[in-house]
PDB file of all heavy atoms in Angstrom:
ATOM      1  N   GLY A   1     -13.360   9.967  -2.531  1.00  0.00           N
ATOM      2  CA  GLY A   1     -14.807   9.886  -2.363  1.00  0.00           C
ATOM      3  C   GLY A   1     -15.426   8.915  -3.343  1.00  0.00           C
ATOM      4  O   GLY A   1     -16.343   8.154  -2.986  1.00  0.00           O
ATOM      5  N   GLU A   2     -14.944   8.928  -4.585  1.00  0.00           N
ATOM      6  CA  GLU A   2     -15.447   7.988  -5.587  1.00  0.00           C
ATOM      7  C   GLU A   2     -15.081   6.558  -5.220  1.00  0.00           C
ATOM      8  O   GLU A   2     -15.879   5.625  -5.392  1.00  0.00           O
ATOM      9  CB  GLU A   2     -14.881   8.339  -6.968  1.00  0.00           C
ATOM     10  CG  GLU A   2     -15.378   7.425  -8.073  1.00  0.00           C
ATOM     11  CD  GLU A   2     -14.803   7.788  -9.437  1.00  0.00           C
ATOM     12  OE1 GLU A   2     -14.088   8.816  -9.528  1.00  0.00           O
ATOM     13  OE2 GLU A   2     -15.061   7.048 -10.402  1.00  0.00           O
ATOM     14  N   VAL A   3     -13.853   6.372  -4.697  1.00  0.00           N
ATOM     15  CA  VAL A   3     -13.421   5.041  -4.273  1.00  0.00           C
ATOM     16  C   VAL A   3     -14.314   4.527  -3.144  1.00  0.00           C
ATOM     17  O   VAL A   3     -14.760   3.375  -3.165  1.00  0.00           O
ATOM     18  CB  VAL A   3     -11.945   5.076  -3.821  1.00  0.00           C
ATOM     19  CG1 VAL A   3     -11.523   3.713  -3.271  1.00  0.00           C
ATOM     20  CG2 VAL A   3     -11.039   5.478  -4.973  1.00  0.00           C
ATOM     21  N   LEU A   4     -14.605   5.377  -2.159  1.00  0.00           N
ATOM     22  CA  LEU A   4     -15.473   4.981  -1.047  1.00  0.00           C
ATOM     23  C   LEU A   4     -16.856   4.572  -1.544  1.00  0.00           C
ATOM     24  O   LEU A   4     -17.431   3.576  -1.093  1.00  0.00           O
ATOM     25  CB  LEU A   4     -15.600   6.129  -0.044  1.00  0.00           C
ATOM     26  CG  LEU A   4     -14.353   6.488   0.759  1.00  0.00           C
ATOM     27  CD1 LEU A   4     -14.582   7.764   1.554  1.00  0.00           C
ATOM     28  CD2 LEU A   4     -13.979   5.346   1.703  1.00  0.00           C
ATOM     29  N   HIS A   5     -17.383   5.344  -2.496  1.00  0.00           N
ATOM     30  CA  HIS A   5     -18.698   5.028  -3.060  1.00  0.00           C
ATOM     31  C   HIS A   5     -18.670   3.679  -3.769  1.00  0.00           C
ATOM     32  O   HIS A   5     -19.555   2.830  -3.574  1.00  0.00           O
ATOM     33  CB  HIS A   5     -19.115   6.128  -4.038  1.00  0.00           C
ATOM     34  CG  HIS A   5     -20.411   5.859  -4.737  1.00  0.00           C
ATOM     35  ND1 HIS A   5     -20.464   5.185  -5.948  1.00  0.00           N
ATOM     36  CD2 HIS A   5     -21.697   6.124  -4.399  1.00  0.00           C
ATOM     37  CE1 HIS A   5     -21.725   5.082  -6.327  1.00  0.00           C
ATOM     38  NE2 HIS A   5     -22.486   5.635  -5.408  1.00  0.00           N
ATOM     39  N   ASN A   6     -17.644   3.464  -4.591  1.00  0.00           N
ATOM     40  CA  ASN A   6     -17.559   2.216  -5.341  1.00  0.00           C
ATOM     41  C   ASN A   6     -17.363   1.008  -4.426  1.00  0.00           C
ATOM     42  O   ASN A   6     -18.023  -0.023  -4.580  1.00  0.00           O
ATOM     43  CB  ASN A   6     -16.419   2.295  -6.352  1.00  0.00           C
ATOM     44  CG  ASN A   6     -16.720   3.226  -7.510  1.00  0.00           C
ATOM     45  OD1 ASN A   6     -17.881   3.583  -7.741  1.00  0.00           O
ATOM     46  ND2 ASN A   6     -15.712   3.644  -8.234  1.00  0.00           N
ATOM     47  N   PHE A   7     -16.469   1.141  -3.457  1.00  0.00           N
ATOM     48  CA  PHE A   7     -16.197   0.013  -2.565  1.00  0.00           C
ATOM     49  C   PHE A   7     -17.430  -0.368  -1.754  1.00  0.00           C
ATOM     50  O   PHE A   7     -17.740  -1.544  -1.581  1.00  0.00           O
ATOM     51  CB  PHE A   7     -15.053   0.367  -1.614  1.00  0.00           C
ATOM     52  CG  PHE A   7     -13.689   0.289  -2.244  1.00  0.00           C
ATOM     53  CD1 PHE A   7     -13.529   0.036  -3.595  1.00  0.00           C
ATOM     54  CD2 PHE A   7     -12.557   0.483  -1.481  1.00  0.00           C
ATOM     55  CE1 PHE A   7     -12.278  -0.035  -4.179  1.00  0.00           C
ATOM     56  CE2 PHE A   7     -11.293   0.414  -2.035  1.00  0.00           C
ATOM     57  CZ  PHE A   7     -11.155   0.151  -3.390  1.00  0.00           C
ATOM     58  N   SER A   8     -18.143   0.621  -1.238  1.00  0.00           N
ATOM     59  CA  SER A   8     -19.311   0.328  -0.404  1.00  0.00           C
ATOM     60  C   SER A   8     -20.441  -0.306  -1.198  1.00  0.00           C
ATOM     61  O   SER A   8     -21.289  -1.001  -0.635  1.00  0.00           O
ATOM     62  CB  SER A   8     -19.799   1.607   0.285  1.00  0.00           C
ATOM     63  OG  SER A   8     -20.135   2.605  -0.660  1.00  0.00           O
ATOM     64  N   ASN A   9     -20.446  -0.079  -2.521  1.00  0.00           N
ATOM     65  CA  ASN A   9     -21.461  -0.685  -3.387  1.00  0.00           C
ATOM     66  C   ASN A   9     -20.970  -1.952  -4.073  1.00  0.00           C
ATOM     67  O   ASN A   9     -21.685  -2.522  -4.902  1.00  0.00           O
ATOM     68  CB  ASN A   9     -21.920   0.326  -4.439  1.00  0.00           C
ATOM     69  CG  ASN A   9     -22.888   1.356  -3.877  1.00  0.00           C
ATOM     70  OD1 ASN A   9     -24.053   1.058  -3.646  1.00  0.00           O
ATOM     71  ND2 ASN A   9     -22.400   2.570  -3.638  1.00  0.00           N
ATOM     72  N   GLY A  10     -19.780  -2.394  -3.753  1.00  0.00           N
ATOM     73  CA  GLY A  10     -19.235  -3.599  -4.391  1.00  0.00           C
ATOM     74  C   GLY A  10     -18.856  -3.390  -5.837  1.00  0.00           C
ATOM     75  O   GLY A  10     -18.784  -4.350  -6.615  1.00  0.00           O
ATOM     76  N   LEU A  11     -18.612  -2.132  -6.237  1.00  0.00           N
ATOM     77  CA  LEU A  11     -18.275  -1.817  -7.625  1.00  0.00           C
ATOM     78  C   LEU A  11     -16.757  -1.801  -7.804  1.00  0.00           C
ATOM     79  O   LEU A  11     -16.145  -0.775  -8.102  1.00  0.00           O
ATOM     80  CB  LEU A  11     -18.869  -0.457  -8.018  1.00  0.00           C
ATOM     81  CG  LEU A  11     -20.387  -0.340  -7.872  1.00  0.00           C
ATOM     82  CD1 LEU A  11     -20.845   1.077  -8.193  1.00  0.00           C
ATOM     83  CD2 LEU A  11     -21.072  -1.359  -8.779  1.00  0.00           C
ATOM     84  N   ASP A  12     -16.158  -2.952  -7.595  1.00  0.00           N
ATOM     85  CA  ASP A  12     -14.709  -3.088  -7.739  1.00  0.00           C
ATOM     86  C   ASP A  12     -14.413  -4.167  -8.768  1.00  0.00           C
ATOM     87  O   ASP A  12     -14.741  -5.333  -8.557  1.00  0.00           O
ATOM     88  CB  ASP A  12     -14.075  -3.454  -6.397  1.00  0.00           C
ATOM     89  CG  ASP A  12     -12.628  -3.875  -6.554  1.00  0.00           C
ATOM     90  OD1 ASP A  12     -11.902  -3.190  -7.305  1.00  0.00           O
ATOM     91  OD2 ASP A  12     -12.236  -4.888  -5.948  1.00  0.00           O
ATOM     92  N   SER A  13     -13.807  -3.777  -9.866  1.00  0.00           N
ATOM     93  CA  SER A  13     -13.472  -4.749 -10.915  1.00  0.00           C
ATOM     94  C   SER A  13     -11.972  -4.990 -10.989  1.00  0.00           C
ATOM     95  O   SER A  13     -11.475  -5.573 -11.956  1.00  0.00           O
ATOM     96  CB  SER A  13     -13.970  -4.238 -12.278  1.00  0.00           C
ATOM     97  OG  SER A  13     -13.387  -2.977 -12.586  1.00  0.00           O
ATOM     98  N   THR A  14     -11.232  -4.536  -9.972  1.00  0.00           N
ATOM     99  CA  THR A  14      -9.788  -4.731  -9.973  1.00  0.00           C
ATOM    100  C   THR A  14      -9.455  -6.211 -10.051  1.00  0.00           C
ATOM    101  O   THR A  14      -9.947  -7.006  -9.247  1.00  0.00           O
ATOM    102  CB  THR A  14      -9.162  -4.141  -8.688  1.00  0.00           C
ATOM    103  OG1 THR A  14      -9.634  -2.816  -8.511  1.00  0.00           O
ATOM    104  CG2 THR A  14      -7.654  -4.128  -8.785  1.00  0.00           C
ATOM    105  N   PRO A  15      -8.614  -6.615 -11.006  1.00  0.00           N
ATOM    106  CA  PRO A  15      -8.320  -8.041 -11.160  1.00  0.00           C
ATOM    107  C   PRO A  15      -7.369  -8.556 -10.083  1.00  0.00           C
ATOM    108  O   PRO A  15      -6.607  -7.795  -9.484  1.00  0.00           O
ATOM    109  CB  PRO A  15      -7.655  -8.110 -12.543  1.00  0.00           C
ATOM    110  CG  PRO A  15      -7.020  -6.759 -12.723  1.00  0.00           C
ATOM    111  CD  PRO A  15      -7.949  -5.791 -12.048  1.00  0.00           C
ATOM    112  N   VAL A  16      -7.422  -9.849  -9.849  1.00  0.00           N
ATOM    113  CA  VAL A  16      -6.438 -10.526  -9.015  1.00  0.00           C
ATOM    114  C   VAL A  16      -5.227 -10.808  -9.894  1.00  0.00           C
ATOM    115  O   VAL A  16      -5.364 -11.368 -10.978  1.00  0.00           O
ATOM    116  CB  VAL A  16      -7.007 -11.835  -8.440  1.00  0.00           C
ATOM    117  CG1 VAL A  16      -5.939 -12.583  -7.644  1.00  0.00           C
ATOM    118  CG2 VAL A  16      -8.228 -11.555  -7.571  1.00  0.00           C
ATOM    119  N   ARG A  17      -4.050 -10.407  -9.427  1.00  0.00           N
ATOM    120  CA  ARG A  17      -2.850 -10.577 -10.241  1.00  0.00           C
ATOM    121  C   ARG A  17      -2.500 -12.049 -10.433  1.00  0.00           C
ATOM    122  O   ARG A  17      -2.759 -12.887  -9.566  1.00  0.00           O
ATOM    123  CB  ARG A  17      -1.654  -9.856  -9.612  1.00  0.00           C
ATOM    124  CG  ARG A  17      -1.776  -8.349  -9.570  1.00  0.00           C
ATOM    125  CD  ARG A  17      -0.399  -7.702  -9.467  1.00  0.00           C
ATOM    126  NE  ARG A  17       0.433  -8.327  -8.471  1.00  0.00           N
ATOM    127  CZ  ARG A  17       0.482  -7.964  -7.191  1.00  0.00           C
ATOM    128  NH1 ARG A  17      -0.299  -6.998  -6.766  1.00  0.00           N
ATOM    129  NH2 ARG A  17       1.294  -8.569  -6.351  1.00  0.00           N
ATOM    130  N   HIS A  18      -1.866 -12.345 -11.559  1.00  0.00           N
ATOM    131  CA  HIS A  18      -1.378 -13.697 -11.824  1.00  0.00           C
ATOM    132  C   HIS A  18      -0.286 -14.037 -10.827  1.00  0.00           C
ATOM    133  O   HIS A  18       0.486 -13.173 -10.405  1.00  0.00           O
ATOM    134  CB  HIS A  18      -0.847 -13.804 -13.256  1.00  0.00           C
ATOM    135  CG  HIS A  18      -0.596 -15.208 -13.705  1.00  0.00           C
ATOM    136  ND1 HIS A  18       0.575 -15.881 -13.416  1.00  0.00           N
ATOM    137  CD2 HIS A  18      -1.369 -16.078 -14.406  1.00  0.00           C
ATOM    138  CE1 HIS A  18       0.521 -17.092 -13.934  1.00  0.00           C
ATOM    139  NE2 HIS A  18      -0.651 -17.250 -14.540  1.00  0.00           N
ATOM    140  N   ILE A  19      -0.204 -15.294 -10.448  1.00  0.00           N
ATOM    141  CA  ILE A  19       0.737 -15.726  -9.422  1.00  0.00           C
ATOM    142  C   ILE A  19       2.186 -15.432  -9.796  1.00  0.00           C
ATOM    143  O   ILE A  19       3.050 -15.250  -8.922  1.00  0.00           O
ATOM    144  CB  ILE A  19       0.536 -17.239  -9.131  1.00  0.00           C
ATOM    145  CG1 ILE A  19       1.165 -17.618  -7.792  1.00  0.00           C
ATOM    146  CG2 ILE A  19       1.075 -18.089 -10.280  1.00  0.00           C
ATOM    147  CD1 ILE A  19       0.773 -18.997  -7.305  1.00  0.00           C
ATOM    148  N   ASP A  20       2.480 -15.345 -11.098  1.00  0.00           N
ATOM    149  CA  ASP A  20       3.852 -15.085 -11.544  1.00  0.00           C
ATOM    150  C   ASP A  20       4.144 -13.603 -11.773  1.00  0.00           C
ATOM    151  O   ASP A  20       5.283 -13.236 -12.060  1.00  0.00           O
ATOM    152  CB  ASP A  20       4.141 -15.840 -12.851  1.00  0.00           C
ATOM    153  CG  ASP A  20       4.133 -17.353 -12.653  1.00  0.00           C
ATOM    154  OD1 ASP A  20       4.501 -17.793 -11.539  1.00  0.00           O
ATOM    155  OD2 ASP A  20       3.752 -18.074 -13.586  1.00  0.00           O
ATOM    156  N   ASP A  21       3.111 -12.763 -11.664  1.00  0.00           N
ATOM    157  CA  ASP A  21       3.318 -11.334 -11.885  1.00  0.00           C
ATOM    158  C   ASP A  21       4.103 -10.738 -10.734  1.00  0.00           C
ATOM    159  O   ASP A  21       3.798 -10.996  -9.563  1.00  0.00           O
ATOM    160  CB  ASP A  21       1.983 -10.593 -12.005  1.00  0.00           C
ATOM    161  CG  ASP A  21       1.310 -10.857 -13.342  1.00  0.00           C
ATOM    162  OD1 ASP A  21       1.958 -11.464 -14.209  1.00  0.00           O
ATOM    163  OD2 ASP A  21       0.138 -10.471 -13.501  1.00  0.00           O
ATOM    164  N   GLU A  22       5.097  -9.918 -11.080  1.00  0.00           N
ATOM    165  CA  GLU A  22       5.844  -9.190 -10.063  1.00  0.00           C
ATOM    166  C   GLU A  22       5.433  -7.731 -10.127  1.00  0.00           C
ATOM    167  O   GLU A  22       5.518  -7.103 -11.170  1.00  0.00           O
ATOM    168  CB  GLU A  22       7.354  -9.315 -10.298  1.00  0.00           C
ATOM    169  CG  GLU A  22       7.894 -10.717 -10.082  1.00  0.00           C
ATOM    170  CD  GLU A  22       9.390 -10.761 -10.168  1.00  0.00           C
ATOM    171  OE1 GLU A  22      10.006  -9.681 -10.262  1.00  0.00           O
ATOM    172  OE2 GLU A  22       9.959 -11.863 -10.145  1.00  0.00           O
ATOM    173  N   GLN A  23       4.972  -7.228  -8.987  1.00  0.00           N
ATOM    174  CA  GLN A  23       4.550  -5.837  -8.941  1.00  0.00           C
ATOM    175  C   GLN A  23       5.782  -4.933  -8.971  1.00  0.00           C
ATOM    176  O   GLN A  23       6.760  -5.163  -8.273  1.00  0.00           O
ATOM    177  CB  GLN A  23       3.751  -5.566  -7.667  1.00  0.00           C
ATOM    178  CG  GLN A  23       3.011  -4.243  -7.686  1.00  0.00           C
ATOM    179  CD  GLN A  23       2.041  -4.150  -6.523  1.00  0.00           C
ATOM    180  OE1 GLN A  23       2.239  -4.774  -5.503  1.00  0.00           O
ATOM    181  NE2 GLN A  23       1.006  -3.362  -6.687  1.00  0.00           N
ATOM    182  N   ALA A  24       5.747  -3.926  -9.818  1.00  0.00           N
ATOM    183  CA  ALA A  24       6.878  -3.023  -9.942  1.00  0.00           C
ATOM    184  C   ALA A  24       7.146  -2.317  -8.617  1.00  0.00           C
ATOM    185  O   ALA A  24       6.231  -1.878  -7.932  1.00  0.00           O
ATOM    186  CB  ALA A  24       6.595  -1.993 -11.033  1.00  0.00           C
ATOM    187  N   VAL A  25       8.430  -2.248  -8.266  1.00  0.00           N
ATOM    188  CA  VAL A  25       8.821  -1.555  -7.037  1.00  0.00           C
ATOM    189  C   VAL A  25       8.651  -0.060  -7.240  1.00  0.00           C
ATOM    190  O   VAL A  25       9.167   0.513  -8.200  1.00  0.00           O
ATOM    191  CB  VAL A  25      10.283  -1.881  -6.680  1.00  0.00           C
ATOM    192  CG1 VAL A  25      10.732  -1.081  -5.465  1.00  0.00           C
ATOM    193  CG2 VAL A  25      10.451  -3.371  -6.431  1.00  0.00           C
ATOM    194  N   LYS A  26       7.909   0.587  -6.356  1.00  0.00           N
ATOM    195  CA  LYS A  26       7.659   2.018  -6.489  1.00  0.00           C
ATOM    196  C   LYS A  26       8.451   2.848  -5.491  1.00  0.00           C
ATOM    197  O   LYS A  26       8.599   4.056  -5.667  1.00  0.00           O
ATOM    198  CB  LYS A  26       6.161   2.303  -6.327  1.00  0.00           C
ATOM    199  CG  LYS A  26       5.328   1.681  -7.438  1.00  0.00           C
ATOM    200  CD  LYS A  26       3.870   2.079  -7.336  1.00  0.00           C
ATOM    201  CE  LYS A  26       3.066   1.482  -8.495  1.00  0.00           C
ATOM    202  NZ  LYS A  26       1.640   1.867  -8.426  1.00  0.00           N
ATOM    203  N   SER A  27       8.940   2.212  -4.425  1.00  0.00           N
ATOM    204  CA  SER A  27       9.750   2.931  -3.456  1.00  0.00           C
ATOM    205  C   SER A  27      10.574   1.941  -2.655  1.00  0.00           C
ATOM    206  O   SER A  27      10.229   0.763  -2.557  1.00  0.00           O
ATOM    207  CB  SER A  27       8.873   3.772  -2.519  1.00  0.00           C
ATOM    208  OG  SER A  27       8.060   2.940  -1.721  1.00  0.00           O
ATOM    209  N   VAL A  28      11.676   2.426  -2.112  1.00  0.00           N
ATOM    210  CA  VAL A  28      12.525   1.632  -1.233  1.00  0.00           C
ATOM    211  C   VAL A  28      12.792   2.475   0.003  1.00  0.00           C
ATOM    212  O   VAL A  28      13.223   3.630  -0.109  1.00  0.00           O
ATOM    213  CB  VAL A  28      13.860   1.254  -1.903  1.00  0.00           C
ATOM    214  CG1 VAL A  28      14.784   0.558  -0.910  1.00  0.00           C
ATOM    215  CG2 VAL A  28      13.616   0.361  -3.115  1.00  0.00           C
ATOM    216  N   GLY A  29      12.523   1.936   1.183  1.00  0.00           N
ATOM    217  CA  GLY A  29      12.704   2.720   2.390  1.00  0.00           C
ATOM    218  C   GLY A  29      12.976   1.875   3.609  1.00  0.00           C
ATOM    219  O   GLY A  29      12.750   0.663   3.613  1.00  0.00           O
ATOM    220  N   ASN A  30      13.515   2.506   4.636  1.00  0.00           N
ATOM    221  CA  ASN A  30      13.708   1.893   5.942  1.00  0.00           C
ATOM    222  C   ASN A  30      13.403   2.914   7.020  1.00  0.00           C
ATOM    223  O   ASN A  30      13.616   4.114   6.828  1.00  0.00           O
ATOM    224  CB  ASN A  30      15.159   1.410   6.132  1.00  0.00           C
ATOM    225  CG  ASN A  30      15.404   0.022   5.565  1.00  0.00           C
ATOM    226  OD1 ASN A  30      16.254  -0.165   4.710  1.00  0.00           O
ATOM    227  ND2 ASN A  30      14.666  -0.963   6.043  1.00  0.00           N
ATOM    228  N   SER A  31      12.904   2.450   8.144  1.00  0.00           N
ATOM    229  CA  SER A  31      12.661   3.321   9.283  1.00  0.00           C
ATOM    230  C   SER A  31      13.009   2.563  10.549  1.00  0.00           C
ATOM    231  O   SER A  31      13.141   1.335  10.544  1.00  0.00           O
ATOM    232  CB  SER A  31      11.202   3.783   9.329  1.00  0.00           C
ATOM    233  OG  SER A  31      10.337   2.671   9.489  1.00  0.00           O
ATOM    234  N   THR A  32      13.151   3.284  11.649  1.00  0.00           N
ATOM    235  CA  THR A  32      13.480   2.624  12.908  1.00  0.00           C
ATOM    236  C   THR A  32      13.012   3.452  14.092  1.00  0.00           C
ATOM    237  O   THR A  32      12.932   4.683  14.010  1.00  0.00           O
ATOM    238  CB  THR A  32      15.000   2.384  13.030  1.00  0.00           C
ATOM    239  OG1 THR A  32      15.261   1.539  14.152  1.00  0.00           O
ATOM    240  CG2 THR A  32      15.767   3.692  13.202  1.00  0.00           C
ATOM    241  N   THR A  33      12.683   2.763  15.165  1.00  0.00           N
ATOM    242  CA  THR A  33      12.471   3.391  16.460  1.00  0.00           C
ATOM    243  C   THR A  33      13.771   3.248  17.242  1.00  0.00           C
ATOM    244  O   THR A  33      14.281   2.137  17.402  1.00  0.00           O
ATOM    245  CB  THR A  33      11.320   2.720  17.224  1.00  0.00           C
ATOM    246  OG1 THR A  33      10.110   2.861  16.484  1.00  0.00           O
ATOM    247  CG2 THR A  33      11.139   3.348  18.596  1.00  0.00           C
ATOM    248  N   THR A  34      14.327   4.348  17.714  1.00  0.00           N
ATOM    249  CA  THR A  34      15.650   4.332  18.325  1.00  0.00           C
ATOM    250  C   THR A  34      15.589   3.933  19.802  1.00  0.00           C
ATOM    251  O   THR A  34      14.563   4.127  20.469  1.00  0.00           O
ATOM    252  CB  THR A  34      16.313   5.713  18.193  1.00  0.00           C
ATOM    253  OG1 THR A  34      15.386   6.720  18.617  1.00  0.00           O
ATOM    254  CG2 THR A  34      16.689   5.975  16.753  1.00  0.00           C
ATOM    255  N   PRO A  35      16.698   3.371  20.337  1.00  0.00           N
ATOM    256  CA  PRO A  35      16.711   2.921  21.732  1.00  0.00           C
ATOM    257  C   PRO A  35      16.471   4.055  22.726  1.00  0.00           C
ATOM    258  O   PRO A  35      15.974   3.819  23.826  1.00  0.00           O
ATOM    259  CB  PRO A  35      18.119   2.338  21.907  1.00  0.00           C
ATOM    260  CG  PRO A  35      18.570   2.005  20.519  1.00  0.00           C
ATOM    261  CD  PRO A  35      17.935   3.034  19.638  1.00  0.00           C
ATOM    262  N   ARG A  36      16.847   5.259  22.355  1.00  0.00           N
ATOM    263  CA  ARG A  36      16.557   6.440  23.170  1.00  0.00           C
ATOM    264  C   ARG A  36      16.059   7.539  22.251  1.00  0.00           C
ATOM    265  O   ARG A  36      16.240   7.475  21.026  1.00  0.00           O
ATOM    266  CB  ARG A  36      17.802   6.914  23.923  1.00  0.00           C
ATOM    267  CG  ARG A  36      18.943   7.396  23.014  1.00  0.00           C
ATOM    268  CD  ARG A  36      20.021   8.106  23.812  1.00  0.00           C
ATOM    269  NE  ARG A  36      21.177   8.457  22.992  1.00  0.00           N
ATOM    270  CZ  ARG A  36      21.244   9.541  22.208  1.00  0.00           C
ATOM    271  NH1 ARG A  36      20.200  10.356  22.124  1.00  0.00           N
ATOM    272  NH2 ARG A  36      22.330   9.797  21.505  1.00  0.00           N
ATOM    273  N   ASP A  37      15.433   8.546  22.817  1.00  0.00           N
ATOM    274  CA  ASP A  37      14.958   9.667  22.018  1.00  0.00           C
ATOM    275  C   ASP A  37      16.129  10.396  21.365  1.00  0.00           C
ATOM    276  O   ASP A  37      17.196  10.568  21.976  1.00  0.00           O
ATOM    277  CB  ASP A  37      14.183  10.662  22.881  1.00  0.00           C
ATOM    278  CG  ASP A  37      12.795  10.160  23.248  1.00  0.00           C
ATOM    279  OD1 ASP A  37      12.318   9.229  22.584  1.00  0.00           O
ATOM    280  OD2 ASP A  37      12.204  10.704  24.205  1.00  0.00           O
ATOM    281  N   MET A  38      15.924  10.834  20.127  1.00  0.00           N
ATOM    282  CA  MET A  38      16.893  11.700  19.447  1.00  0.00           C
ATOM    283  C   MET A  38      16.612  13.138  19.867  1.00  0.00           C
ATOM    284  O   MET A  38      15.462  13.593  19.803  1.00  0.00           O
ATOM    285  CB  MET A  38      16.763  11.539  17.929  1.00  0.00           C
ATOM    286  CG  MET A  38      17.192  10.170  17.432  1.00  0.00           C
ATOM    287  SD  MET A  38      16.653   9.814  15.733  1.00  0.00           S
ATOM    288  CE  MET A  38      14.969   9.259  16.052  1.00  0.00           C
ATOM    289  N   VAL A  39      17.667  13.851  20.300  1.00  0.00           N
ATOM    290  CA  VAL A  39      17.457  15.170  20.890  1.00  0.00           C
ATOM    291  C   VAL A  39      18.167  16.294  20.149  1.00  0.00           C
ATOM    292  O   VAL A  39      18.015  17.471  20.492  1.00  0.00           O
ATOM    293  CB  VAL A  39      17.897  15.184  22.379  1.00  0.00           C
ATOM    294  CG1 VAL A  39      17.030  14.235  23.189  1.00  0.00           C
ATOM    295  CG2 VAL A  39      19.372  14.813  22.509  1.00  0.00           C
ATOM    296  N   ASN A  40      18.967  15.968  19.109  1.00  0.00           N
ATOM    297  CA  ASN A  40      19.656  17.019  18.357  1.00  0.00           C
ATOM    298  C   ASN A  40      19.957  16.542  16.941  1.00  0.00           C
ATOM    299  O   ASN A  40      19.725  15.371  16.594  1.00  0.00           O
ATOM    300  CB  ASN A  40      20.948  17.452  19.069  1.00  0.00           C
ATOM    301  CG  ASN A  40      21.874  16.275  19.360  1.00  0.00           C
ATOM    302  OD1 ASN A  40      22.051  15.394  18.531  1.00  0.00           O
ATOM    303  ND2 ASN A  40      22.453  16.260  20.557  1.00  0.00           N
TER     304      ASN A  40
END
């Protein structure tokens, strides 16, 4: 709710990251839609 209030009022001071900054990996995952439904 606070985020919604701030964003709608333009109250965002989040910086733009430096071009050389690497964002830390927080998760690693994979997903897929299968060719047929999985039934068991």
